[in-house]
Amino acid sequence: MDANDVYNVAKALSSEEYLKLIKLLNKDLEEKNKLKTSKKAVVDFTVEDGIKYLIENYFNKVRKP
C-alpha cells in the first residue's frame, strides 16, 4: 500500500473520522521527532562566564616545573 491509496481511503472518511486520523498521525510524528532529538541540552554560557572559567582554571593555575 502506498501513500496515494491511504490518501484516497482517508478522503472517503467522514469529517469527524478524518480529523481523528490527522490527530493520530500528528501524534505519531511528534513521538518520532522526540526520539530523534534526544540530544543533551547545551548550557547557556555568557562571555563573562567563559572569561571567569579561563581565569580560574588556566591563568591562576600554579604550574610545576
C-alpha atoms as a PDB file:
ATOM      1  CA  MET A   1       0.000   0.000   0.000  1.00  0.00           C
ATOM      2  CA  ASP A   2       1.354   3.434  -0.838  1.00  0.00           C
ATOM      3  CA  ALA A   3       0.521   6.971   0.217  1.00  0.00           C
ATOM      4  CA  ASN A   4      -1.912   7.541  -2.652  1.00  0.00           C
ATOM      5  CA  ASP A   5      -4.016   4.552  -1.581  1.00  0.00           C
ATOM      6  CA  VAL A   6      -4.083   5.742   2.012  1.00  0.00           C
ATOM      7  CA  TYR A   7      -4.964   9.257   0.890  1.00  0.00           C
ATOM      8  CA  ASN A   8      -7.938   8.002  -1.137  1.00  0.00           C
ATOM      9  CA  VAL A   9      -9.189   5.947   1.810  1.00  0.00           C
ATOM     10  CA  ALA A  10      -8.739   8.920   4.163  1.00  0.00           C
ATOM     11  CA  LYS A  11     -10.716  11.197   1.844  1.00  0.00           C
ATOM     12  CA  ALA A  12     -13.588   8.678   1.984  1.00  0.00           C
ATOM     13  CA  LEU A  13     -13.825   9.066   5.759  1.00  0.00           C
ATOM     14  CA  SER A  14     -16.371  11.296   7.431  1.00  0.00           C
ATOM     15  CA  SER A  15     -15.062  14.682   8.508  1.00  0.00           C
ATOM     16  CA  GLU A  16     -15.021  13.597  12.161  1.00  0.00           C
ATOM     17  CA  GLU A  17     -13.003  10.450  11.446  1.00  0.00           C
ATOM     18  CA  TYR A  18     -10.718  12.399   9.116  1.00  0.00           C
ATOM     19  CA  LEU A  19      -9.858  14.816  11.944  1.00  0.00           C
ATOM     20  CA  LYS A  20      -9.200  11.883  14.300  1.00  0.00           C
ATOM     21  CA  LEU A  21      -6.831  10.385  11.728  1.00  0.00           C
ATOM     22  CA  ILE A  22      -4.958  13.662  11.380  1.00  0.00           C
ATOM     23  CA  LYS A  23      -4.553  13.909  15.179  1.00  0.00           C
ATOM     24  CA  LEU A  24      -3.244  10.343  15.376  1.00  0.00           C
ATOM     25  CA  LEU A  25      -0.752  10.918  12.559  1.00  0.00           C
ATOM     26  CA  ASN A  26       0.482  14.151  14.140  1.00  0.00           C
ATOM     27  CA  LYS A  27       0.890  12.369  17.480  1.00  0.00           C
ATOM     28  CA  ASP A  28       2.997   9.647  15.825  1.00  0.00           C
ATOM     29  CA  LEU A  29       5.158  12.238  14.083  1.00  0.00           C
ATOM     30  CA  GLU A  30       5.746  14.149  17.320  1.00  0.00           C
ATOM     31  CA  GLU A  31       6.805  10.955  19.115  1.00  0.00           C
ATOM     32  CA  LYS A  32       9.253  10.070  16.337  1.00  0.00           C
ATOM     33  CA  ASN A  33      10.704  13.587  16.388  1.00  0.00           C
ATOM     34  CA  LYS A  34      11.191  13.391  20.163  1.00  0.00           C
ATOM     35  CA  LEU A  35      13.180  10.191  19.780  1.00  0.00           C
ATOM     36  CA  LYS A  36      15.424  11.699  17.132  1.00  0.00           C
ATOM     37  CA  THR A  37      16.125  14.866  19.100  1.00  0.00           C
ATOM     38  CA  SER A  38      17.319  13.297  22.325  1.00  0.00           C
ATOM     39  CA  LYS A  39      20.477  15.409  22.443  1.00  0.00           C
ATOM     40  CA  LYS A  40      21.733  16.740  25.738  1.00  0.00           C
ATOM     41  CA  ALA A  41      20.817  20.335  26.388  1.00  0.00           C
ATOM     42  CA  VAL A  42      23.673  22.763  25.956  1.00  0.00           C
ATOM     43  CA  VAL A  43      24.322  25.006  28.920  1.00  0.00           C
ATOM     44  CA  ASP A  44      23.984  28.652  28.034  1.00  0.00           C
ATOM     45  CA  PHE A  45      27.241  30.398  28.974  1.00  0.00           C
ATOM     46  CA  THR A  46      27.838  34.097  28.695  1.00  0.00           C
ATOM     47  CA  VAL A  47      31.138  35.628  27.659  1.00  0.00           C
ATOM     48  CA  GLU A  48      31.706  36.648  31.271  1.00  0.00           C
ATOM     49  CA  ASP A  49      31.221  33.048  32.407  1.00  0.00           C
ATOM     50  CA  GLY A  50      33.799  31.904  29.864  1.00  0.00           C
ATOM     51  CA  ILE A  51      36.340  34.507  30.936  1.00  0.00           C
ATOM     52  CA  LYS A  52      35.803  33.659  34.611  1.00  0.00           C
ATOM     53  CA  TYR A  53      36.293  29.948  33.887  1.00  0.00           C
ATOM     54  CA  LEU A  54      39.508  30.571  31.953  1.00  0.00           C
ATOM     55  CA  ILE A  55      40.953  32.812  34.664  1.00  0.00           C
ATOM     56  CA  GLU A  56      40.109  30.375  37.462  1.00  0.00           C
ATOM     57  CA  ASN A  57      41.236  27.215  35.683  1.00  0.00           C
ATOM     58  CA  TYR A  58      44.101  28.227  33.417  1.00  0.00           C
ATOM     59  CA  PHE A  59      45.621  31.579  34.219  1.00  0.00           C
ATOM     60  CA  ASN A  60      45.671  31.253  38.020  1.00  0.00           C
ATOM     61  CA  LYS A  61      46.858  27.664  37.984  1.00  0.00           C
ATOM     62  CA  VAL A  62      50.195  27.051  39.696  1.00  0.00           C
ATOM     63  CA  ARG A  63      52.427  25.295  37.215  1.00  0.00           C
ATOM     64  CA  LYS A  64      55.051  22.866  38.443  1.00  0.00           C
ATOM     65  CA  PRO A  65      58.332  22.752  36.515  1.00  0.00           C
END
